[in-house]
PDB file of N, CA and C in Angstrom:
ATOM      1  N   UNK A   1      97.170 142.578 352.528  1.00  0.00           N
ATOM      2  CA  UNK A   1      97.485 141.586 351.815  1.00  0.00           C
ATOM      3  C   UNK A   1      96.281 140.416 351.157  1.00  0.00           C
ATOM      4  N   UNK A   2      95.420 140.473 352.348  1.00  0.00           N
ATOM      5  CA  UNK A   2      94.095 139.876 352.071  1.00  0.00           C
ATOM      6  C   UNK A   2      93.348 140.240 351.322  1.00  0.00           C
ATOM      7  N   UNK A   3      92.804 142.006 351.485  1.00  0.00           N
ATOM      8  CA  UNK A   3      91.808 142.504 350.747  1.00  0.00           C
ATOM      9  C   UNK A   3      91.794 142.522 349.050  1.00  0.00           C
ATOM     10  N   UNK A   4      93.605 143.006 349.029  1.00  0.00           N
ATOM     11  CA  UNK A   4      93.445 142.897 347.414  1.00  0.00           C
ATOM     12  C   UNK A   4      93.567 141.798 347.112  1.00  0.00           C
ATOM     13  N   UNK A   5      93.545 140.702 347.509  1.00  0.00           N
ATOM     14  CA  UNK A   5      93.598 139.016 346.862  1.00  0.00           C
ATOM     15  C   UNK A   5      92.148 139.126 346.836  1.00  0.00           C
ATOM     16  N   UNK A   6      91.268 139.603 347.701  1.00  0.00           N
ATOM     17  CA  UNK A   6      89.942 138.998 347.603  1.00  0.00           C
ATOM     18  C   UNK A   6      89.211 139.546 346.422  1.00  0.00           C
ATOM     19  N   UNK A   7      89.575 141.488 346.469  1.00  0.00           N
ATOM     20  CA  UNK A   7      88.838 142.029 345.745  1.00  0.00           C
ATOM     21  C   UNK A   7      89.067 141.676 344.497  1.00  0.00           C
ATOM     22  N   UNK A   8      90.542 141.107 343.573  1.00  0.00           N
ATOM     23  CA  UNK A   8      91.050 140.836 342.726  1.00  0.00           C
ATOM     24  C   UNK A   8      90.214 139.176 342.481  1.00  0.00           C
ATOM     25  N   UNK A   9      90.197 138.484 343.021  1.00  0.00           N
ATOM     26  CA  UNK A   9      89.703 136.784 343.058  1.00  0.00           C
ATOM     27  C   UNK A   9      87.909 137.646 342.443  1.00  0.00           C
ATOM     28  N   UNK A  10      87.128 138.063 343.556  1.00  0.00           N
ATOM     29  CA  UNK A  10      85.727 138.773 342.736  1.00  0.00           C
ATOM     30  C   UNK A  10      85.636 139.464 341.590  1.00  0.00           C
ATOM     31  N   UNK A  11      86.835 140.259 341.094  1.00  0.00           N
ATOM     32  CA  UNK A  11      86.957 141.059 339.759  1.00  0.00           C
ATOM     33  C   UNK A  11      86.836 139.942 338.553  1.00  0.00           C
ATOM     34  N   UNK A  12      88.050 138.818 338.906  1.00  0.00           N
ATOM     35  CA  UNK A  12      87.875 137.913 337.934  1.00  0.00           C
ATOM     36  C   UNK A  12      86.815 136.727 337.759  1.00  0.00           C
ATOM     37  N   UNK A  13      86.214 136.435 339.010  1.00  0.00           N
ATOM     38  CA  UNK A  13      85.070 135.873 339.084  1.00  0.00           C
ATOM     39  C   UNK A  13      83.746 136.289 337.957  1.00  0.00           C
ATOM     40  N   UNK A  14      83.730 137.704 338.499  1.00  0.00           N
ATOM     41  CA  UNK A  14      83.028 138.882 337.809  1.00  0.00           C
ATOM     42  C   UNK A  14      83.024 138.512 336.520  1.00  0.00           C
ATOM     43  N   UNK A  15      84.457 138.489 335.682  1.00  0.00           N
ATOM     44  CA  UNK A  15      84.772 138.560 334.523  1.00  0.00           C
ATOM     45  C   UNK A  15      85.077 137.740 333.754  1.00  0.00           C
ATOM     46  N   UNK A  16      85.121 136.386 334.631  1.00  0.00           N
ATOM     47  CA  UNK A  16      84.467 134.632 333.682  1.00  0.00           C
ATOM     48  C   UNK A  16      82.984 134.509 333.851  1.00  0.00           C
ATOM     49  N   UNK A  17      82.171 135.127 334.653  1.00  0.00           N
ATOM     50  CA  UNK A  17      80.699 134.891 334.633  1.00  0.00           C
ATOM     51  C   UNK A  17      80.044 135.774 333.453  1.00  0.00           C
ATOM     52  N   UNK A  18      80.764 136.937 333.027  1.00  0.00           N
ATOM     53  CA  UNK A  18      80.537 137.948 332.175  1.00  0.00           C
ATOM     54  C   UNK A  18      80.761 137.164 330.583  1.00  0.00           C
ATOM     55  N   UNK A  19      82.044 136.220 330.886  1.00  0.00           N
ATOM     56  CA  UNK A  19      82.325 135.947 329.454  1.00  0.00           C
ATOM     57  C   UNK A  19      81.525 134.810 329.015  1.00  0.00           C
ATOM     58  N   UNK A  20      80.829 134.018 330.459  1.00  0.00           N
ATOM     59  CA  UNK A  20      80.065 133.042 329.838  1.00  0.00           C
ATOM     60  C   UNK A  20      78.820 133.358 329.613  1.00  0.00           C
ATOM     61  N   UNK A  21      78.238 134.318 330.251  1.00  0.00           N
ATOM     62  CA  UNK A  21      77.034 134.575 329.639  1.00  0.00           C
ATOM     63  C   UNK A  21      76.825 135.021 327.879  1.00  0.00           C
ATOM     64  N   UNK A  22      77.874 135.576 327.759  1.00  0.00           N
ATOM     65  CA  UNK A  22      78.149 136.425 326.616  1.00  0.00           C
ATOM     66  C   UNK A  22      78.063 135.252 325.410  1.00  0.00           C
ATOM     67  N   UNK A  23      79.018 134.092 325.843  1.00  0.00           N
ATOM     68  CA  UNK A  23      79.020 133.056 324.995  1.00  0.00           C
ATOM     69  C   UNK A  23      77.859 132.070 325.182  1.00  0.00           C
ATOM     70  N   UNK A  24      76.791 132.271 325.980  1.00  0.00           N
ATOM     71  CA  UNK A  24      75.386 131.298 326.076  1.00  0.00           C
ATOM     72  C   UNK A  24      75.712 130.241 326.824  1.00  0.00           C
ATOM     73  N   UNK A  25      76.863 130.262 327.840  1.00  0.00           N
ATOM     74  CA  UNK A  25      77.280 128.935 328.305  1.00  0.00           C
ATOM     75  C   UNK A  25      75.760 128.221 329.286  1.00  0.00           C
ATOM     76  N   UNK A  26      75.348 127.039 328.835  1.00  0.00           N
ATOM     77  CA  UNK A  26      74.119 126.525 329.653  1.00  0.00           C
ATOM     78  C   UNK A  26      73.149 126.951 328.933  1.00  0.00           C
ATOM     79  N   UNK A  27      72.997 127.686 327.782  1.00  0.00           N
ATOM     80  CA  UNK A  27      71.865 128.124 327.281  1.00  0.00           C
ATOM     81  C   UNK A  27      70.946 126.671 326.336  1.00  0.00           C
ATOM     82  N   UNK A  28      72.221 126.029 325.773  1.00  0.00           N
ATOM     83  CA  UNK A  28      71.742 124.742 324.931  1.00  0.00           C
ATOM     84  C   UNK A  28      72.743 124.288 324.630  1.00  0.00           C
ATOM     85  N   UNK A  29      73.045 122.813 323.777  1.00  0.00           N
ATOM     86  CA  UNK A  29      74.029 122.313 323.411  1.00  0.00           C
ATOM     87  C   UNK A  29      74.566 122.835 322.424  1.00  0.00           C
ATOM     88  N   UNK A  30      76.379 123.125 322.453  1.00  0.00           N
ATOM     89  CA  UNK A  30      76.702 123.789 321.627  1.00  0.00           C
ATOM     90  C   UNK A  30      76.926 122.829 320.024  1.00  0.00           C
ATOM     91  N   UNK A  31      76.710 123.503 319.131  1.00  0.00           N
ATOM     92  CA  UNK A  31      76.872 122.546 317.613  1.00  0.00           C
ATOM     93  C   UNK A  31      78.002 122.188 317.262  1.00  0.00           C
ATOM     94  N   UNK A  32      78.990 123.211 317.772  1.00  0.00           N
ATOM     95  CA  UNK A  32      80.605 122.826 317.319  1.00  0.00           C
ATOM     96  C   UNK A  32      81.122 121.967 318.108  1.00  0.00           C
ATOM     97  N   UNK A  33      80.578 121.040 319.262  1.00  0.00           N
ATOM     98  CA  UNK A  33      81.200 120.129 319.860  1.00  0.00           C
ATOM     99  C   UNK A  33      80.566 118.931 319.645  1.00  0.00           C
ATOM    100  N   UNK A  34      81.743 117.816 318.916  1.00  0.00           N
ATOM    101  CA  UNK A  34      81.444 116.666 318.992  1.00  0.00           C
ATOM    102  C   UNK A  34      81.953 115.619 319.727  1.00  0.00           C
ATOM    103  N   UNK A  35      81.482 114.644 319.756  1.00  0.00           N
ATOM    104  CA  UNK A  35      81.938 113.617 320.728  1.00  0.00           C
ATOM    105  C   UNK A  35      83.033 112.487 319.931  1.00  0.00           C
ATOM    106  N   UNK A  36      83.931 112.743 320.118  1.00  0.00           N
ATOM    107  CA  UNK A  36      85.214 112.060 319.484  1.00  0.00           C
ATOM    108  C   UNK A  36      85.131 110.132 319.958  1.00  0.00           C
ATOM    109  N   UNK A  37      85.800 109.322 319.221  1.00  0.00           N
ATOM    110  CA  UNK A  37      85.452 108.437 319.289  1.00  0.00           C
ATOM    111  C   UNK A  37      86.742 107.445 318.139  1.00  0.00           C
ATOM    112  N   UNK A  38      87.255 106.642 318.422  1.00  0.00           N
ATOM    113  CA  UNK A  38      88.274 105.588 317.675  1.00  0.00           C
ATOM    114  C   UNK A  38      87.124 105.132 316.201  1.00  0.00           C
ATOM    115  N   UNK A  39      88.238 105.198 315.201  1.00  0.00           N
ATOM    116  CA  UNK A  39      87.780 104.888 313.721  1.00  0.00           C
ATOM    117  C   UNK A  39      88.821 103.845 313.628  1.00  0.00           C
ATOM    118  N   UNK A  40      88.662 103.328 312.342  1.00  0.00           N
ATOM    119  CA  UNK A  40      89.525 102.013 311.791  1.00  0.00           C
ATOM    120  C   UNK A  40      91.146 102.441 311.790  1.00  0.00           C
ATOM    121  N   UNK A  41      91.126 103.566 311.111  1.00  0.00           N
ATOM    122  CA  UNK A  41      92.492 104.236 311.352  1.00  0.00           C
ATOM    123  C   UNK A  41      93.199 104.301 312.479  1.00  0.00           C
ATOM    124  N   UNK A  42      92.196 104.999 313.491  1.00  0.00           N
ATOM    125  CA  UNK A  42      92.704 105.201 314.646  1.00  0.00           C
ATOM    126  C   UNK A  42      93.224 103.688 315.710  1.00  0.00           C
ATOM    127  N   UNK A  43      92.582 102.741 315.204  1.00  0.00           N
ATOM    128  CA  UNK A  43      93.155 101.250 315.658  1.00  0.00           C
ATOM    129  C   UNK A  43      94.448 101.067 314.812  1.00  0.00           C
ATOM    130  N   UNK A  44      94.274 101.076 313.754  1.00  0.00           N
ATOM    131  CA  UNK A  44      95.789 100.702 312.968  1.00  0.00           C
ATOM    132  C   UNK A  44      96.592 101.315 313.489  1.00  0.00           C
ATOM    133  N   UNK A  45      96.629 102.822 313.634  1.00  0.00           N
ATOM    134  CA  UNK A  45      97.874 103.484 314.038  1.00  0.00           C
ATOM    135  C   UNK A  45      98.503 103.062 315.597  1.00  0.00           C
ATOM    136  N   UNK A  46      97.469 102.886 316.289  1.00  0.00           N
ATOM    137  CA  UNK A  46      97.758 102.083 317.940  1.00  0.00           C
ATOM    138  C   UNK A  46      98.437 101.360 317.571  1.00  0.00           C
ATOM    139  N   UNK A  47      97.668 100.309 316.916  1.00  0.00           N
ATOM    140  CA  UNK A  47      98.246  98.743 316.772  1.00  0.00           C
ATOM    141  C   UNK A  47      99.523  99.069 316.047  1.00  0.00           C
ATOM    142  N   UNK A  48      99.799  99.796 315.378  1.00  0.00           N
ATOM    143  CA  UNK A  48     101.093  99.696 314.784  1.00  0.00           C
ATOM    144  C   UNK A  48     101.958 100.318 315.668  1.00  0.00           C
ATOM    145  N   UNK A  49     101.919 101.387 316.388  1.00  0.00           N
ATOM    146  CA  UNK A  49     102.569 101.809 317.453  1.00  0.00           C
ATOM    147  C   UNK A  49     102.723 100.805 318.540  1.00  0.00           C
ATOM    148  N   UNK A  50     101.979  99.867 318.931  1.00  0.00           N
ATOM    149  CA  UNK A  50     102.439  98.969 319.885  1.00  0.00           C
ATOM    150  C   UNK A  50     103.321  98.144 319.390  1.00  0.00           C
ATOM    151  N   UNK A  51     103.147  97.336 318.519  1.00  0.00           N
ATOM    152  CA  UNK A  51     104.172  96.432 317.243  1.00  0.00           C
ATOM    153  C   UNK A  51     105.542  97.167 317.535  1.00  0.00           C
ATOM    154  N   UNK A  52     105.507  98.443 316.902  1.00  0.00           N
ATOM    155  CA  UNK A  52     107.187  98.982 317.297  1.00  0.00           C
ATOM    156  C   UNK A  52     107.551  99.236 318.623  1.00  0.00           C
ATOM    157  N   UNK A  53     106.984  99.421 319.765  1.00  0.00           N
ATOM    158  CA  UNK A  53     107.246  99.511 320.648  1.00  0.00           C
ATOM    159  C   UNK A  53     107.691  97.492 321.204  1.00  0.00           C
ATOM    160  N   UNK A  54     106.985  97.096 320.747  1.00  0.00           N
ATOM    161  CA  UNK A  54     107.326  95.678 321.172  1.00  0.00           C
ATOM    162  C   UNK A  54     108.846  95.372 320.322  1.00  0.00           C
ATOM    163  N   UNK A  55     108.544  96.031 319.479  1.00  0.00           N
ATOM    164  CA  UNK A  55     109.785  95.164 318.474  1.00  0.00           C
ATOM    165  C   UNK A  55     111.326  95.997 318.936  1.00  0.00           C
ATOM    166  N   UNK A  56     111.205  97.497 319.485  1.00  0.00           N
ATOM    167  CA  UNK A  56     112.090  97.814 320.124  1.00  0.00           C
ATOM    168  C   UNK A  56     112.367  97.559 321.221  1.00  0.00           C
ATOM    169  N   UNK A  57     111.543  97.313 322.443  1.00  0.00           N
ATOM    170  CA  UNK A  57     111.634  96.346 323.332  1.00  0.00           C
ATOM    171  C   UNK A  57     112.392  94.841 323.393  1.00  0.00           C
ATOM    172  N   UNK A  58     112.185  94.589 322.309  1.00  0.00           N
ATOM    173  CA  UNK A  58     112.508  92.619 321.753  1.00  0.00           C
ATOM    174  C   UNK A  58     114.105  93.012 321.285  1.00  0.00           C
ATOM    175  N   UNK A  59     114.244  94.142 320.473  1.00  0.00           N
ATOM    176  CA  UNK A  59     115.811  94.540 320.248  1.00  0.00           C
ATOM    177  C   UNK A  59     116.582  94.766 321.231  1.00  0.00           C
ATOM    178  N   UNK A  60     116.091  95.791 322.231  1.00  0.00           N
ATOM    179  CA  UNK A  60     116.819  95.870 323.359  1.00  0.00           C
ATOM    180  C   UNK A  60     117.429  94.548 324.624  1.00  0.00           C
ATOM    181  N   UNK A  61     116.229  94.149 324.279  1.00  0.00           N
ATOM    182  CA  UNK A  61     116.383  93.030 325.054  1.00  0.00           C
ATOM    183  C   UNK A  61     117.502  91.952 324.779  1.00  0.00           C
ATOM    184  N   UNK A  62     117.192  91.636 323.602  1.00  0.00           N
ATOM    185  CA  UNK A  62     117.811  90.517 322.714  1.00  0.00           C
ATOM    186  C   UNK A  62     118.617  90.563 321.511  1.00  0.00           C
ATOM    187  N   UNK A  63     119.005  91.860 321.333  1.00  0.00           N
ATOM    188  CA  UNK A  63     119.692  92.649 320.198  1.00  0.00           C
ATOM    189  C   UNK A  63     121.348  92.948 320.756  1.00  0.00           C
ATOM    190  N   UNK A  64     121.787  93.481 319.785  1.00  0.00           N
ATOM    191  CA  UNK A  64     123.218  93.496 320.029  1.00  0.00           C
ATOM    192  C   UNK A  64     123.296  95.330 320.436  1.00  0.00           C
ATOM    193  N   UNK A  65     124.440  95.360 321.213  1.00  0.00           N
ATOM    194  CA  UNK A  65     124.494  96.493 321.721  1.00  0.00           C
ATOM    195  C   UNK A  65     125.559  96.957 320.430  1.00  0.00           C
ATOM    196  N   UNK A  66     124.837  97.399 319.320  1.00  0.00           N
ATOM    197  CA  UNK A  66     125.668  98.222 318.386  1.00  0.00           C
ATOM    198  C   UNK A  66     124.347  99.438 318.166  1.00  0.00           C
ATOM    199  N   UNK A  67     125.425 100.791 318.457  1.00  0.00           N
ATOM    200  CA  UNK A  67     125.237 102.141 318.264  1.00  0.00           C
ATOM    201  C   UNK A  67     124.686 102.189 316.822  1.00  0.00           C
ATOM    202  N   UNK A  68     123.034 103.098 316.328  1.00  0.00           N
ATOM    203  CA  UNK A  68     122.945 103.136 315.031  1.00  0.00           C
ATOM    204  C   UNK A  68     122.681 104.567 315.040  1.00  0.00           C
ATOM    205  N   UNK A  69     123.332 105.147 314.044  1.00  0.00           N
ATOM    206  CA  UNK A  69     123.326 106.773 313.757  1.00  0.00           C
ATOM    207  C   UNK A  69     122.924 106.479 312.371  1.00  0.00           C
ATOM    208  N   UNK A  70     121.832 107.150 312.058  1.00  0.00           N
ATOM    209  CA  UNK A  70     121.283 107.557 310.570  1.00  0.00           C
ATOM    210  C   UNK A  70     122.348 108.431 310.049  1.00  0.00           C
TER     211      UNK A  70
END
Protein backbone atom coordinates (compact mmCIF):
# COMPACT_ATOMS: atom_id res chain seq x y z
CA UNK A 1 0.00 0.00 0.00
CA UNK A 2 2.80 2.42 0.84
CA UNK A 3 4.94 1.73 -2.23
CA UNK A 4 2.24 2.34 -4.88
CA UNK A 5 1.16 5.49 -3.05
CA UNK A 6 4.72 6.80 -2.95
CA UNK A 7 5.38 5.95 -6.59
CA UNK A 8 2.15 7.61 -7.73
CA UNK A 9 2.97 10.70 -5.65
CA UNK A 10 6.40 10.97 -7.27
CA UNK A 11 4.92 10.56 -10.75
CA UNK A 12 2.30 13.22 -10.04
CA UNK A 13 4.96 15.57 -8.65
CA UNK A 14 7.04 15.08 -11.78
CA UNK A 15 4.02 15.79 -13.98
CA UNK A 16 3.31 18.96 -12.05
CA UNK A 17 6.93 20.09 -12.32
CA UNK A 18 6.92 19.46 -16.07
CA UNK A 19 3.67 21.37 -16.50
CA UNK A 20 5.10 24.31 -14.56
CA UNK A 21 8.26 24.26 -16.70
CA UNK A 22 6.24 24.18 -19.91
CA UNK A 23 4.28 27.23 -18.80
CA UNK A 24 7.49 29.09 -17.85
CA UNK A 25 6.50 29.29 -14.21
CA UNK A 26 8.80 31.62 -12.33
CA UNK A 27 10.61 32.85 -15.44
CA UNK A 28 9.04 36.30 -15.41
CA UNK A 29 5.85 38.04 -14.41
CA UNK A 30 2.90 36.86 -16.42
CA UNK A 31 1.33 39.60 -18.47
CA UNK A 32 -2.22 38.24 -18.37
CA UNK A 33 -2.38 38.50 -14.59
CA UNK A 34 -3.61 41.79 -13.19
CA UNK A 35 -4.26 43.05 -9.72
CA UNK A 36 -7.92 43.55 -9.00
CA UNK A 37 -9.19 46.57 -7.13
CA UNK A 38 -12.60 47.97 -6.29
CA UNK A 39 -13.99 50.63 -8.57
CA UNK A 40 -16.91 53.02 -8.19
CA UNK A 41 -19.46 50.52 -9.51
CA UNK A 42 -18.27 47.89 -7.05
CA UNK A 43 -18.76 50.23 -4.10
CA UNK A 44 -22.25 51.17 -5.32
CA UNK A 45 -23.23 47.50 -5.66
CA UNK A 46 -21.88 46.56 -2.23
CA UNK A 47 -23.67 49.54 -0.66
CA UNK A 48 -26.88 48.56 -2.47
CA UNK A 49 -26.72 45.01 -1.19
CA UNK A 50 -25.98 46.27 2.32
CA UNK A 51 -29.04 48.56 2.19
CA UNK A 52 -31.13 45.67 0.88
CA UNK A 53 -29.91 43.40 3.69
CA UNK A 54 -30.70 46.03 6.34
CA UNK A 55 -34.15 46.61 4.81
CA UNK A 56 -34.96 42.91 4.79
CA UNK A 57 -33.73 42.54 8.36
CA UNK A 58 -35.78 45.54 9.49
CA UNK A 59 -38.83 44.16 7.72
CA UNK A 60 -38.30 40.80 9.39
CA UNK A 61 -37.95 42.35 12.83
CA UNK A 62 -40.62 45.08 12.60
CA UNK A 63 -42.74 43.88 9.70
CA UNK A 64 -45.94 41.96 9.44
CA UNK A 65 -45.82 38.18 9.32
CA UNK A 66 -47.30 37.94 5.86
CA UNK A 67 -46.04 35.43 3.36
CA UNK A 68 -45.40 37.12 0.04
CA UNK A 69 -45.43 34.95 -3.06
CA UNK A 70 -44.78 36.62 -6.41
